[in-house]
Amino acid sequence: MYLSHEENIALMKGLRQRFGRCEYIFDAYSESAVKWSKLKNPVNKMGAVIKWGLDGPEAIERQLPFARCAGVFYFTGREWSDRLYKPCDRALFRLFYGNSWANGLYRLYRFELEDK
């Protein structure tokens, strides 16, 4: 998300060209979360700029036929909150972020880049 769409695509092409078959794992905000992050986001204080959002892996798979999404990890899921928070905090976290709307804001993507 700190790279532009074009920079991400160029990086994926470069990885495939250099290594053939490999994996590219990255986190990304959704397109709407990128817009909201301009209003208030802790990374803004560090001078970081969020340049790109991804609403789903299909956008990359359509553009890069050699890229296949091998997994999407949601930071708002139980497997994440159960490891990070104490029981009371977990309940609050799930109340505010344990829903499909929150799942769509921030995700980790795993793409397999195949040498075809």
PDB file of N, CA and C in Angstrom:
ATOM      1  N   MET A   1       0.807  -1.196   0.000  1.00  0.00           N
ATOM      2  CA  MET A   1       0.000   0.000   0.000  1.00  0.00           C
ATOM      3  C   MET A   1       0.853   1.265   0.000  1.00  0.00           C
ATOM      4  N   TYR A   2       2.124   1.125   0.305  1.00  0.00           N
ATOM      5  CA  TYR A   2       3.020   2.276   0.255  1.00  0.00           C
ATOM      6  C   TYR A   2       3.601   2.464  -1.142  1.00  0.00           C
ATOM      7  N   LEU A   3       3.392   1.490  -1.985  1.00  0.00           N
ATOM      8  CA  LEU A   3       3.753   1.602  -3.399  1.00  0.00           C
ATOM      9  C   LEU A   3       2.487   1.896  -4.186  1.00  0.00           C
ATOM     10  N   SER A   4       2.630   2.514  -5.337  1.00  0.00           N
ATOM     11  CA  SER A   4       1.471   2.749  -6.193  1.00  0.00           C
ATOM     12  C   SER A   4       1.061   1.436  -6.864  1.00  0.00           C
ATOM     13  N   HIS A   5      -0.096   1.446  -7.467  1.00  0.00           N
ATOM     14  CA  HIS A   5      -0.562   0.266  -8.212  1.00  0.00           C
ATOM     15  C   HIS A   5       0.477  -0.123  -9.264  1.00  0.00           C
ATOM     16  N   GLU A   6       0.951   0.852 -10.004  1.00  0.00           N
ATOM     17  CA  GLU A   6       1.926   0.598 -11.068  1.00  0.00           C
ATOM     18  C   GLU A   6       3.230   0.035 -10.498  1.00  0.00           C
ATOM     19  N   GLU A   7       3.671   0.550  -9.347  1.00  0.00           N
ATOM     20  CA  GLU A   7       4.897   0.047  -8.725  1.00  0.00           C
ATOM     21  C   GLU A   7       4.726  -1.386  -8.244  1.00  0.00           C
ATOM     22  N   ASN A   8       3.563  -1.720  -7.714  1.00  0.00           N
ATOM     23  CA  ASN A   8       3.294  -3.097  -7.291  1.00  0.00           C
ATOM     24  C   ASN A   8       3.301  -4.046  -8.482  1.00  0.00           C
ATOM     25  N   ILE A   9       2.654  -3.651  -9.550  1.00  0.00           N
ATOM     26  CA  ILE A   9       2.619  -4.492 -10.755  1.00  0.00           C
ATOM     27  C   ILE A   9       4.027  -4.687 -11.302  1.00  0.00           C
ATOM     28  N   ALA A  10       4.812  -3.600 -11.368  1.00  0.00           N
ATOM     29  CA  ALA A  10       6.194  -3.697 -11.859  1.00  0.00           C
ATOM     30  C   ALA A  10       7.029  -4.604 -10.952  1.00  0.00           C
ATOM     31  N   LEU A  11       6.826  -4.520  -9.635  1.00  0.00           N
ATOM     32  CA  LEU A  11       7.557  -5.379  -8.705  1.00  0.00           C
ATOM     33  C   LEU A  11       7.191  -6.846  -8.918  1.00  0.00           C
ATOM     34  N   MET A  12       5.922  -7.135  -9.086  1.00  0.00           N
ATOM     35  CA  MET A  12       5.500  -8.522  -9.312  1.00  0.00           C
ATOM     36  C   MET A  12       6.074  -9.055 -10.619  1.00  0.00           C
ATOM     37  N   LYS A  13       6.075  -8.237 -11.651  1.00  0.00           N
ATOM     38  CA  LYS A  13       6.672  -8.660 -12.928  1.00  0.00           C
ATOM     39  C   LYS A  13       8.167  -8.898 -12.764  1.00  0.00           C
ATOM     40  N   GLY A  14       8.834  -8.014 -12.038  1.00  0.00           N
ATOM     41  CA  GLY A  14      10.272  -8.156 -11.816  1.00  0.00           C
ATOM     42  C   GLY A  14      10.621  -9.392 -10.996  1.00  0.00           C
ATOM     43  N   LEU A  15       9.827  -9.679  -9.971  1.00  0.00           N
ATOM     44  CA  LEU A  15      10.054 -10.883  -9.162  1.00  0.00           C
ATOM     45  C   LEU A  15       9.914 -12.139 -10.010  1.00  0.00           C
ATOM     46  N   ARG A  16       8.876 -12.166 -10.822  1.00  0.00           N
ATOM     47  CA  ARG A  16       8.661 -13.338 -11.677  1.00  0.00           C
ATOM     48  C   ARG A  16       9.802 -13.485 -12.683  1.00  0.00           C
ATOM     49  N   GLN A  17      10.217 -12.358 -13.263  1.00  0.00           N
ATOM     50  CA  GLN A  17      11.290 -12.411 -14.251  1.00  0.00           C
ATOM     51  C   GLN A  17      12.598 -12.879 -13.612  1.00  0.00           C
ATOM     52  N   ARG A  18      12.876 -12.410 -12.414  1.00  0.00           N
ATOM     53  CA  ARG A  18      14.139 -12.742 -11.747  1.00  0.00           C
ATOM     54  C   ARG A  18      14.149 -14.157 -11.166  1.00  0.00           C
ATOM     55  N   PHE A  19      13.012 -14.562 -10.551  1.00  0.00           N
ATOM     56  CA  PHE A  19      12.997 -15.828  -9.828  1.00  0.00           C
ATOM     57  C   PHE A  19      12.151 -16.913 -10.469  1.00  0.00           C
ATOM     58  N   GLY A  20      11.381 -16.582 -11.480  1.00  0.00           N
ATOM     59  CA  GLY A  20      10.483 -17.567 -12.079  1.00  0.00           C
ATOM     60  C   GLY A  20       9.284 -17.775 -11.183  1.00  0.00           C
ATOM     61  N   ARG A  21       9.245 -18.874 -10.498  1.00  0.00           N
ATOM     62  CA  ARG A  21       8.147 -19.173  -9.576  1.00  0.00           C
ATOM     63  C   ARG A  21       8.506 -18.658  -8.182  1.00  0.00           C
ATOM     64  N   CYS A  22       7.634 -17.835  -7.615  1.00  0.00           N
ATOM     65  CA  CYS A  22       7.883 -17.292  -6.280  1.00  0.00           C
ATOM     66  C   CYS A  22       6.561 -16.825  -5.665  1.00  0.00           C
ATOM     67  N   GLU A  23       6.633 -16.341  -4.446  1.00  0.00           N
ATOM     68  CA  GLU A  23       5.460 -15.808  -3.761  1.00  0.00           C
ATOM     69  C   GLU A  23       5.679 -14.334  -3.458  1.00  0.00           C
ATOM     70  N   TYR A  24       4.592 -13.586  -3.481  1.00  0.00           N
ATOM     71  CA  TYR A  24       4.612 -12.163  -3.138  1.00  0.00           C
ATOM     72  C   TYR A  24       3.527 -11.968  -2.088  1.00  0.00           C
ATOM     73  N   ILE A  25       3.939 -11.584  -0.889  1.00  0.00           N
ATOM     74  CA  ILE A  25       3.006 -11.418   0.221  1.00  0.00           C
ATOM     75  C   ILE A  25       3.042  -9.958   0.642  1.00  0.00           C
ATOM     76  N   PHE A  26       1.869  -9.351   0.744  1.00  0.00           N
ATOM     77  CA  PHE A  26       1.806  -7.943   1.110  1.00  0.00           C
ATOM     78  C   PHE A  26       0.483  -7.634   1.796  1.00  0.00           C
ATOM     79  N   ASP A  27       0.494  -6.561   2.568  1.00  0.00           N
ATOM     80  CA  ASP A  27      -0.745  -6.105   3.185  1.00  0.00           C
ATOM     81  C   ASP A  27      -1.257  -4.912   2.389  1.00  0.00           C
ATOM     82  N   ALA A  28      -2.563  -4.750   2.413  1.00  0.00           N
ATOM     83  CA  ALA A  28      -3.161  -3.657   1.651  1.00  0.00           C
ATOM     84  C   ALA A  28      -4.465  -3.206   2.281  1.00  0.00           C
ATOM     85  N   TYR A  29      -4.665  -1.914   2.256  1.00  0.00           N
ATOM     86  CA  TYR A  29      -5.962  -1.350   2.602  1.00  0.00           C
ATOM     87  C   TYR A  29      -6.894  -1.542   1.415  1.00  0.00           C
ATOM     88  N   SER A  30      -8.185  -1.457   1.664  1.00  0.00           N
ATOM     89  CA  SER A  30      -9.150  -1.403   0.558  1.00  0.00           C
ATOM     90  C   SER A  30      -9.081   0.000  -0.043  1.00  0.00           C
ATOM     91  N   GLU A  31      -9.693   0.180  -1.196  1.00  0.00           N
ATOM     92  CA  GLU A  31      -9.693   1.496  -1.837  1.00  0.00           C
ATOM     93  C   GLU A  31     -10.368   2.535  -0.941  1.00  0.00           C
ATOM     94  N   SER A  32     -11.460   2.168  -0.295  1.00  0.00           N
ATOM     95  CA  SER A  32     -12.135   3.128   0.588  1.00  0.00           C
ATOM     96  C   SER A  32     -11.299   3.406   1.842  1.00  0.00           C
ATOM     97  N   ALA A  33     -10.593   2.408   2.365  1.00  0.00           N
ATOM     98  CA  ALA A  33      -9.751   2.627   3.548  1.00  0.00           C
ATOM     99  C   ALA A  33      -8.598   3.576   3.225  1.00  0.00           C
ATOM    100  N   VAL A  34      -8.103   3.541   1.981  1.00  0.00           N
ATOM    101  CA  VAL A  34      -7.051   4.479   1.582  1.00  0.00           C
ATOM    102  C   VAL A  34      -7.576   5.908   1.685  1.00  0.00           C
ATOM    103  N   LYS A  35      -8.798   6.128   1.213  1.00  0.00           N
ATOM    104  CA  LYS A  35      -9.396   7.469   1.285  1.00  0.00           C
ATOM    105  C   LYS A  35      -9.589   7.895   2.735  1.00  0.00           C
ATOM    106  N   TRP A  36     -10.094   6.997   3.569  1.00  0.00           N
ATOM    107  CA  TRP A  36     -10.325   7.323   4.980  1.00  0.00           C
ATOM    108  C   TRP A  36      -9.020   7.559   5.714  1.00  0.00           C
ATOM    109  N   SER A  37      -7.968   6.858   5.319  1.00  0.00           N
ATOM    110  CA  SER A  37      -6.696   6.985   6.031  1.00  0.00           C
ATOM    111  C   SER A  37      -6.090   8.375   5.874  1.00  0.00           C
ATOM    112  N   LYS A  38      -6.495   9.101   4.861  1.00  0.00           N
ATOM    113  CA  LYS A  38      -5.989  10.457   4.683  1.00  0.00           C
ATOM    114  C   LYS A  38      -6.507  11.380   5.794  1.00  0.00           C
ATOM    115  N   LEU A  39      -7.669  11.039   6.365  1.00  0.00           N
ATOM    116  CA  LEU A  39      -8.253  11.855   7.423  1.00  0.00           C
ATOM    117  C   LEU A  39      -7.552  11.644   8.764  1.00  0.00           C
ATOM    118  N   LYS A  40      -7.394  10.384   9.144  1.00  0.00           N
ATOM    119  CA  LYS A  40      -6.750  10.086  10.432  1.00  0.00           C
ATOM    120  C   LYS A  40      -6.141   8.693  10.361  1.00  0.00           C
ATOM    121  N   ASN A  41      -4.845   8.654  10.532  1.00  0.00           N
ATOM    122  CA  ASN A  41      -4.136   7.393  10.504  1.00  0.00           C
ATOM    123  C   ASN A  41      -2.793   7.596  11.198  1.00  0.00           C
ATOM    124  N   PRO A  42      -2.415   6.736  12.118  1.00  0.00           N
ATOM    125  CA  PRO A  42      -1.137   6.912  12.823  1.00  0.00           C
ATOM    126  C   PRO A  42       0.073   6.974  11.894  1.00  0.00           C
ATOM    127  N   VAL A  43       0.035   6.307  10.750  1.00  0.00           N
ATOM    128  CA  VAL A  43       1.196   6.324   9.856  1.00  0.00           C
ATOM    129  C   VAL A  43       1.407   7.709   9.242  1.00  0.00           C
ATOM    130  N   ASN A  44       0.363   8.526   9.195  1.00  0.00           N
ATOM    131  CA  ASN A  44       0.516   9.877   8.657  1.00  0.00           C
ATOM    132  C   ASN A  44       1.517  10.686   9.474  1.00  0.00           C
ATOM    133  N   LYS A  45       1.554  10.444  10.773  1.00  0.00           N
ATOM    134  CA  LYS A  45       2.477  11.171  11.655  1.00  0.00           C
ATOM    135  C   LYS A  45       3.930  10.828  11.354  1.00  0.00           C
ATOM    136  N   MET A  46       4.159   9.683  10.736  1.00  0.00           N
ATOM    137  CA  MET A  46       5.517   9.265  10.395  1.00  0.00           C
ATOM    138  C   MET A  46       5.910   9.729   8.999  1.00  0.00           C
ATOM    139  N   GLY A  47       4.982  10.377   8.312  1.00  0.00           N
ATOM    140  CA  GLY A  47       5.277  10.849   6.969  1.00  0.00           C
ATOM    141  C   GLY A  47       5.038   9.822   5.876  1.00  0.00           C
ATOM    142  N   ALA A  48       4.508   8.681   6.224  1.00  0.00           N
ATOM    143  CA  ALA A  48       4.223   7.646   5.228  1.00  0.00           C
ATOM    144  C   ALA A  48       2.983   8.035   4.427  1.00  0.00           C
ATOM    145  N   VAL A  49       2.972   7.662   3.183  1.00  0.00           N
ATOM    146  CA  VAL A  49       1.835   7.946   2.317  1.00  0.00           C
ATOM    147  C   VAL A  49       1.286   6.621   1.799  1.00  0.00           C
ATOM    148  N   ILE A  50       0.002   6.415   2.008  1.00  0.00           N
ATOM    149  CA  ILE A  50      -0.655   5.218   1.482  1.00  0.00           C
ATOM    150  C   ILE A  50      -1.115   5.562   0.069  1.00  0.00           C
ATOM    151  N   LYS A  51      -0.555   4.874  -0.914  1.00  0.00           N
ATOM    152  CA  LYS A  51      -0.776   5.236  -2.315  1.00  0.00           C
ATOM    153  C   LYS A  51      -1.818   4.390  -3.027  1.00  0.00           C
ATOM    154  N   TRP A  52      -2.113   3.205  -2.494  1.00  0.00           N
ATOM    155  CA  TRP A  52      -2.868   2.247  -3.292  1.00  0.00           C
ATOM    156  C   TRP A  52      -3.735   1.377  -2.414  1.00  0.00           C
ATOM    157  N   GLY A  53      -4.902   1.060  -2.908  1.00  0.00           N
ATOM    158  CA  GLY A  53      -5.790   0.151  -2.215  1.00  0.00           C
ATOM    159  C   GLY A  53      -6.224  -0.975  -3.133  1.00  0.00           C
ATOM    160  N   LEU A  54      -6.570  -2.102  -2.534  1.00  0.00           N
ATOM    161  CA  LEU A  54      -6.979  -3.272  -3.301  1.00  0.00           C
ATOM    162  C   LEU A  54      -8.248  -3.837  -2.679  1.00  0.00           C
ATOM    163  N   ASP A  55      -9.304  -3.894  -3.472  1.00  0.00           N
ATOM    164  CA  ASP A  55     -10.572  -4.414  -2.966  1.00  0.00           C
ATOM    165  C   ASP A  55     -10.683  -5.925  -3.084  1.00  0.00           C
ATOM    166  N   GLY A  56      -9.826  -6.529  -3.861  1.00  0.00           N
ATOM    167  CA  GLY A  56      -9.848  -7.979  -4.007  1.00  0.00           C
ATOM    168  C   GLY A  56      -8.762  -8.438  -4.955  1.00  0.00           C
ATOM    169  N   PRO A  57      -8.372  -9.691  -4.868  1.00  0.00           N
ATOM    170  CA  PRO A  57      -7.263 -10.195  -5.680  1.00  0.00           C
ATOM    171  C   PRO A  57      -7.560 -10.260  -7.174  1.00  0.00           C
ATOM    172  N   GLU A  58      -8.831 -10.241  -7.534  1.00  0.00           N
ATOM    173  CA  GLU A  58      -9.200 -10.363  -8.947  1.00  0.00           C
ATOM    174  C   GLU A  58      -8.582  -9.258  -9.803  1.00  0.00           C
ATOM    175  N   ALA A  59      -8.438  -8.069  -9.242  1.00  0.00           N
ATOM    176  CA  ALA A  59      -7.869  -6.946 -10.001  1.00  0.00           C
ATOM    177  C   ALA A  59      -6.448  -7.262 -10.464  1.00  0.00           C
ATOM    178  N   ILE A  60      -5.678  -7.915  -9.614  1.00  0.00           N
ATOM    179  CA  ILE A  60      -4.308  -8.285  -9.989  1.00  0.00           C
ATOM    180  C   ILE A  60      -4.323  -9.495 -10.913  1.00  0.00           C
ATOM    181  N   GLU A  61      -5.156 -10.474 -10.614  1.00  0.00           N
ATOM    182  CA  GLU A  61      -5.209 -11.685 -11.443  1.00  0.00           C
ATOM    183  C   GLU A  61      -5.628 -11.365 -12.875  1.00  0.00           C
ATOM    184  N   ARG A  62      -6.510 -10.391 -13.055  1.00  0.00           N
ATOM    185  CA  ARG A  62      -6.907  -9.997 -14.419  1.00  0.00           C
ATOM    186  C   ARG A  62      -5.758  -9.323 -15.151  1.00  0.00           C
ATOM    187  N   GLN A  63      -4.984  -8.536 -14.443  1.00  0.00           N
ATOM    188  CA  GLN A  63      -3.900  -7.788 -15.066  1.00  0.00           C
ATOM    189  C   GLN A  63      -2.647  -8.629 -15.290  1.00  0.00           C
ATOM    190  N   LEU A  64      -2.405  -9.583 -14.405  1.00  0.00           N
ATOM    191  CA  LEU A  64      -1.208 -10.415 -14.489  1.00  0.00           C
ATOM    192  C   LEU A  64      -1.622 -11.885 -14.546  1.00  0.00           C
ATOM    193  N   PRO A  65      -1.695 -12.464 -15.733  1.00  0.00           N
ATOM    194  CA  PRO A  65      -2.158 -13.853 -15.854  1.00  0.00           C
ATOM    195  C   PRO A  65      -1.282 -14.865 -15.107  1.00  0.00           C
ATOM    196  N   PHE A  66      -0.042 -14.529 -14.816  1.00  0.00           N
ATOM    197  CA  PHE A  66       0.849 -15.452 -14.100  1.00  0.00           C
ATOM    198  C   PHE A  66       0.683 -15.375 -12.583  1.00  0.00           C
ATOM    199  N   ALA A  67      -0.145 -14.456 -12.094  1.00  0.00           N
ATOM    200  CA  ALA A  67      -0.335 -14.280 -10.650  1.00  0.00           C
ATOM    201  C   ALA A  67      -1.634 -14.950 -10.213  1.00  0.00           C
ATOM    202  N   ARG A  68      -1.526 -15.769  -9.152  1.00  0.00           N
ATOM    203  CA  ARG A  68      -2.713 -16.435  -8.610  1.00  0.00           C
ATOM    204  C   ARG A  68      -2.762 -16.180  -7.110  1.00  0.00           C
ATOM    205  N   CYS A  69      -3.899 -15.684  -6.649  1.00  0.00           N
ATOM    206  CA  CYS A  69      -4.049 -15.442  -5.215  1.00  0.00           C
ATOM    207  C   CYS A  69      -4.145 -16.790  -4.502  1.00  0.00           C
ATOM    208  N   ALA A  70      -3.218 -17.022  -3.581  1.00  0.00           N
ATOM    209  CA  ALA A  70      -3.170 -18.285  -2.845  1.00  0.00           C
ATOM    210  C   ALA A  70      -3.709 -18.143  -1.428  1.00  0.00           C
ATOM    211  N   GLY A  71      -4.118 -16.930  -1.066  1.00  0.00           N
ATOM    212  CA  GLY A  71      -4.686 -16.758   0.260  1.00  0.00           C
ATOM    213  C   GLY A  71      -4.900 -15.300   0.622  1.00  0.00           C
ATOM    214  N   VAL A  72      -5.911 -15.080   1.443  1.00  0.00           N
ATOM    215  CA  VAL A  72      -6.201 -13.755   1.979  1.00  0.00           C
ATOM    216  C   VAL A  72      -6.355 -13.920   3.486  1.00  0.00           C
ATOM    217  N   PHE A  73      -5.630 -13.126   4.245  1.00  0.00           N
ATOM    218  CA  PHE A  73      -5.680 -13.178   5.700  1.00  0.00           C
ATOM    219  C   PHE A  73      -6.314 -11.891   6.205  1.00  0.00           C
ATOM    220  N   TYR A  74      -7.308 -12.024   7.058  1.00  0.00           N
ATOM    221  CA  TYR A  74      -8.016 -10.875   7.608  1.00  0.00           C
ATOM    222  C   TYR A  74      -7.501 -10.587   9.008  1.00  0.00           C
ATOM    223  N   PHE A  75      -7.037  -9.391   9.241  1.00  0.00           N
ATOM    224  CA  PHE A  75      -6.503  -9.009  10.536  1.00  0.00           C
ATOM    225  C   PHE A  75      -7.580  -8.901  11.608  1.00  0.00           C
ATOM    226  N   THR A  76      -8.817  -8.903  11.205  1.00  0.00           N
ATOM    227  CA  THR A  76      -9.913  -8.768  12.161  1.00  0.00           C
ATOM    228  C   THR A  76     -10.480 -10.115  12.597  1.00  0.00           C
ATOM    229  N   GLY A  77      -9.922 -11.199  12.126  1.00  0.00           N
ATOM    230  CA  GLY A  77     -10.433 -12.528  12.460  1.00  0.00           C
ATOM    231  C   GLY A  77     -10.053 -12.990  13.854  1.00  0.00           C
ATOM    232  N   ARG A  78     -10.706 -14.037  14.301  1.00  0.00           N
ATOM    233  CA  ARG A  78     -10.448 -14.594  15.637  1.00  0.00           C
ATOM    234  C   ARG A  78      -9.012 -15.078  15.792  1.00  0.00           C
ATOM    235  N   GLU A  79      -8.465 -15.669  14.745  1.00  0.00           N
ATOM    236  CA  GLU A  79      -7.105 -16.194  14.854  1.00  0.00           C
ATOM    237  C   GLU A  79      -6.108 -15.079  15.164  1.00  0.00           C
ATOM    238  N   TRP A  80      -6.424 -13.876  14.771  1.00  0.00           N
ATOM    239  CA  TRP A  80      -5.569 -12.721  15.029  1.00  0.00           C
ATOM    240  C   TRP A  80      -5.853 -12.165  16.424  1.00  0.00           C
ATOM    241  N   SER A  81      -7.114 -11.867  16.699  1.00  0.00           N
ATOM    242  CA  SER A  81      -7.462 -11.219  17.974  1.00  0.00           C
ATOM    243  C   SER A  81      -7.218 -12.138  19.172  1.00  0.00           C
ATOM    244  N   ASP A  82      -7.389 -13.441  19.012  1.00  0.00           N
ATOM    245  CA  ASP A  82      -7.177 -14.364  20.128  1.00  0.00           C
ATOM    246  C   ASP A  82      -5.717 -14.394  20.578  1.00  0.00           C
ATOM    247  N   ARG A  83      -4.804 -14.164  19.649  1.00  0.00           N
ATOM    248  CA  ARG A  83      -3.388 -14.171  20.000  1.00  0.00           C
ATOM    249  C   ARG A  83      -2.924 -12.842  20.584  1.00  0.00           C
ATOM    250  N   LEU A  84      -3.579 -11.765  20.223  1.00  0.00           N
ATOM    251  CA  LEU A  84      -3.093 -10.446  20.605  1.00  0.00           C
ATOM    252  C   LEU A  84      -3.739  -9.836  21.842  1.00  0.00           C
ATOM    253  N   TYR A  85      -4.980 -10.198  22.099  1.00  0.00           N
ATOM    254  CA  TYR A  85      -5.728  -9.482  23.127  1.00  0.00           C
ATOM    255  C   TYR A  85      -6.138 -10.370  24.293  1.00  0.00           C
ATOM    256  N   LYS A  86      -6.261  -9.742  25.442  1.00  0.00           N
ATOM    257  CA  LYS A  86      -6.798 -10.408  26.624  1.00  0.00           C
ATOM    258  C   LYS A  86      -8.299 -10.593  26.417  1.00  0.00           C
ATOM    259  N   PRO A  87      -8.944 -11.503  27.149  1.00  0.00           N
ATOM    260  CA  PRO A  87     -10.366 -11.803  26.915  1.00  0.00           C
ATOM    261  C   PRO A  87     -11.290 -10.585  26.865  1.00  0.00           C
ATOM    262  N   CYS A  88     -11.144  -9.652  27.768  1.00  0.00           N
ATOM    263  CA  CYS A  88     -12.018  -8.475  27.774  1.00  0.00           C
ATOM    264  C   CYS A  88     -11.796  -7.633  26.513  1.00  0.00           C
ATOM    265  N   ASP A  89     -10.529  -7.433  26.154  1.00  0.00           N
ATOM    266  CA  ASP A  89     -10.213  -6.656  24.955  1.00  0.00           C
ATOM    267  C   ASP A  89     -10.669  -7.374  23.693  1.00  0.00           C
ATOM    268  N   ARG A  90     -10.585  -8.705  23.700  1.00  0.00           N
ATOM    269  CA  ARG A  90     -11.050  -9.488  22.552  1.00  0.00           C
ATOM    270  C   ARG A  90     -12.522  -9.220  22.283  1.00  0.00           C
ATOM    271  N   ALA A  91     -13.314  -9.183  23.341  1.00  0.00           N
ATOM    272  CA  ALA A  91     -14.756  -8.950  23.179  1.00  0.00           C
ATOM    273  C   ALA A  91     -15.014  -7.591  22.544  1.00  0.00           C
ATOM    274  N   LEU A  92     -14.308  -6.573  22.987  1.00  0.00           N
ATOM    275  CA  LEU A  92     -14.477  -5.241  22.396  1.00  0.00           C
ATOM    276  C   LEU A  92     -14.000  -5.213  20.948  1.00  0.00           C
ATOM    277  N   PHE A  93     -12.858  -5.852  20.702  1.00  0.00           N
ATOM    278  CA  PHE A  93     -12.317  -5.901  19.346  1.00  0.00           C
ATOM    279  C   PHE A  93     -13.328  -6.562  18.399  1.00  0.00           C
ATOM    280  N   ARG A  94     -13.887  -7.687  18.827  1.00  0.00           N
ATOM    281  CA  ARG A  94     -14.863  -8.398  17.983  1.00  0.00           C
ATOM    282  C   ARG A  94     -16.131  -7.588  17.773  1.00  0.00           C
ATOM    283  N   LEU A  95     -16.530  -6.857  18.795  1.00  0.00           N
ATOM    284  CA  LEU A  95     -17.730  -6.029  18.679  1.00  0.00           C
ATOM    285  C   LEU A  95     -17.558  -4.979  17.588  1.00  0.00           C
ATOM    286  N   PHE A  96     -16.405  -4.323  17.578  1.00  0.00           N
ATOM    287  CA  PHE A  96     -16.175  -3.242  16.620  1.00  0.00           C
ATOM    288  C   PHE A  96     -15.621  -3.703  15.275  1.00  0.00           C
ATOM    289  N   TYR A  97     -14.786  -4.756  15.303  1.00  0.00           N
ATOM    290  CA  TYR A  97     -14.080  -5.132  14.079  1.00  0.00           C
ATOM    291  C   TYR A  97     -14.361  -6.549  13.592  1.00  0.00           C
ATOM    292  N   GLY A  98     -15.141  -7.316  14.295  1.00  0.00           N
ATOM    293  CA  GLY A  98     -15.391  -8.702  13.911  1.00  0.00           C
ATOM    294  C   GLY A  98     -16.576  -8.844  12.983  1.00  0.00           C
ATOM    295  N   ASN A  99     -16.551  -8.134  11.880  1.00  0.00           N
ATOM    296  CA  ASN A  99     -17.655  -8.192  10.926  1.00  0.00           C
ATOM    297  C   ASN A  99     -17.118  -8.079   9.505  1.00  0.00           C
ATOM    298  N   SER A 100     -17.968  -8.332   8.532  1.00  0.00           N
ATOM    299  CA  SER A 100     -17.521  -8.337   7.135  1.00  0.00           C
ATOM    300  C   SER A 100     -17.079  -6.949   6.673  1.00  0.00           C
ATOM    301  N   TRP A 101     -17.695  -5.900   7.219  1.00  0.00           N
ATOM    302  CA  TRP A 101     -17.283  -4.544   6.831  1.00  0.00           C
ATOM    303  C   TRP A 101     -15.835  -4.298   7.236  1.00  0.00           C
ATOM    304  N   ALA A 102     -15.485  -4.645   8.460  1.00  0.00           N
ATOM    305  CA  ALA A 102     -14.122  -4.447   8.941  1.00  0.00           C
ATOM    306  C   ALA A 102     -13.134  -5.346   8.197  1.00  0.00           C
ATOM    307  N   ASN A 103     -13.562  -6.563   7.838  1.00  0.00           N
ATOM    308  CA  ASN A 103     -12.682  -7.459   7.073  1.00  0.00           C
ATOM    309  C   ASN A 103     -12.251  -6.836   5.757  1.00  0.00           C
ATOM    310  N   GLY A 104     -13.104  -6.016   5.210  1.00  0.00           N
ATOM    311  CA  GLY A 104     -12.795  -5.412   3.919  1.00  0.00           C
ATOM    312  C   GLY A 104     -11.829  -4.250   3.970  1.00  0.00           C
ATOM    313  N   LEU A 105     -11.469  -3.772   5.161  1.00  0.00           N
ATOM    314  CA  LEU A 105     -10.621  -2.583   5.266  1.00  0.00           C
ATOM    315  C   LEU A 105      -9.136  -2.855   5.092  1.00  0.00           C
ATOM    316  N   TYR A 106      -8.648  -3.958   5.639  1.00  0.00           N
ATOM    317  CA  TYR A 106      -7.212  -4.201   5.698  1.00  0.00           C
ATOM    318  C   TYR A 106      -6.969  -5.702   5.654  1.00  0.00           C
ATOM    319  N   ARG A 107      -6.177  -6.145   4.679  1.00  0.00           N
ATOM    320  CA  ARG A 107      -5.951  -7.579   4.493  1.00  0.00           C
ATOM    321  C   ARG A 107      -4.496  -7.861   4.141  1.00  0.00           C
ATOM    322  N   LEU A 108      -4.130  -9.097   4.312  1.00  0.00           N
ATOM    323  CA  LEU A 108      -2.836  -9.593   3.882  1.00  0.00           C
ATOM    324  C   LEU A 108      -3.093 -10.536   2.713  1.00  0.00           C
ATOM    325  N   TYR A 109      -2.411 -10.314   1.606  1.00  0.00           N
ATOM    326  CA  TYR A 109      -2.592 -11.132   0.401  1.00  0.00           C
ATOM    327  C   TYR A 109      -1.335 -11.970   0.154  1.00  0.00           C
ATOM    328  N   ARG A 110      -1.565 -13.180  -0.321  1.00  0.00           N
ATOM    329  CA  ARG A 110      -0.463 -14.066  -0.721  1.00  0.00           C
ATOM    330  C   ARG A 110      -0.703 -14.466  -2.178  1.00  0.00           C
ATOM    331  N   PHE A 111       0.206 -14.063  -3.031  1.00  0.00           N
ATOM    332  CA  PHE A 111       0.112 -14.400  -4.447  1.00  0.00           C
ATOM    333  C   PHE A 111       1.233 -15.340  -4.825  1.00  0.00           C
ATOM    334  N   GLU A 112       0.919 -16.333  -5.625  1.00  0.00           N
ATOM    335  CA  GLU A 112       1.925 -17.191  -6.240  1.00  0.00           C
ATOM    336  C   GLU A 112       2.160 -16.667  -7.643  1.00  0.00           C
ATOM    337  N   LEU A 113       3.415 -16.401  -7.957  1.00  0.00           N
ATOM    338  CA  LEU A 113       3.788 -15.948  -9.280  1.00  0.00           C
ATOM    339  C   LEU A 113       4.448 -17.128  -9.978  1.00  0.00           C
ATOM    340  N   GLU A 114       3.838 -17.550 -11.061  1.00  0.00           N
ATOM    341  CA  GLU A 114       4.273 -18.779 -11.713  1.00  0.00           C
ATOM    342  C   GLU A 114       5.065 -18.485 -12.975  1.00  0.00           C
ATOM    343  N   ASP A 115       6.046 -19.295 -13.227  1.00  0.00           N
ATOM    344  CA  ASP A 115       6.871 -19.166 -14.424  1.00  0.00           C
ATOM    345  C   ASP A 115       6.205 -19.964 -15.533  1.00  0.00           C
ATOM    346  N   LYS A 116       5.408 -19.275 -16.337  1.00  0.00           N
ATOM    347  CA  LYS A 116       4.673 -19.965 -17.418  1.00  0.00           C
ATOM    348  C   LYS A 116       5.268 -19.637 -18.765  1.00  0.00           C
TER     349      LYS A 116
END
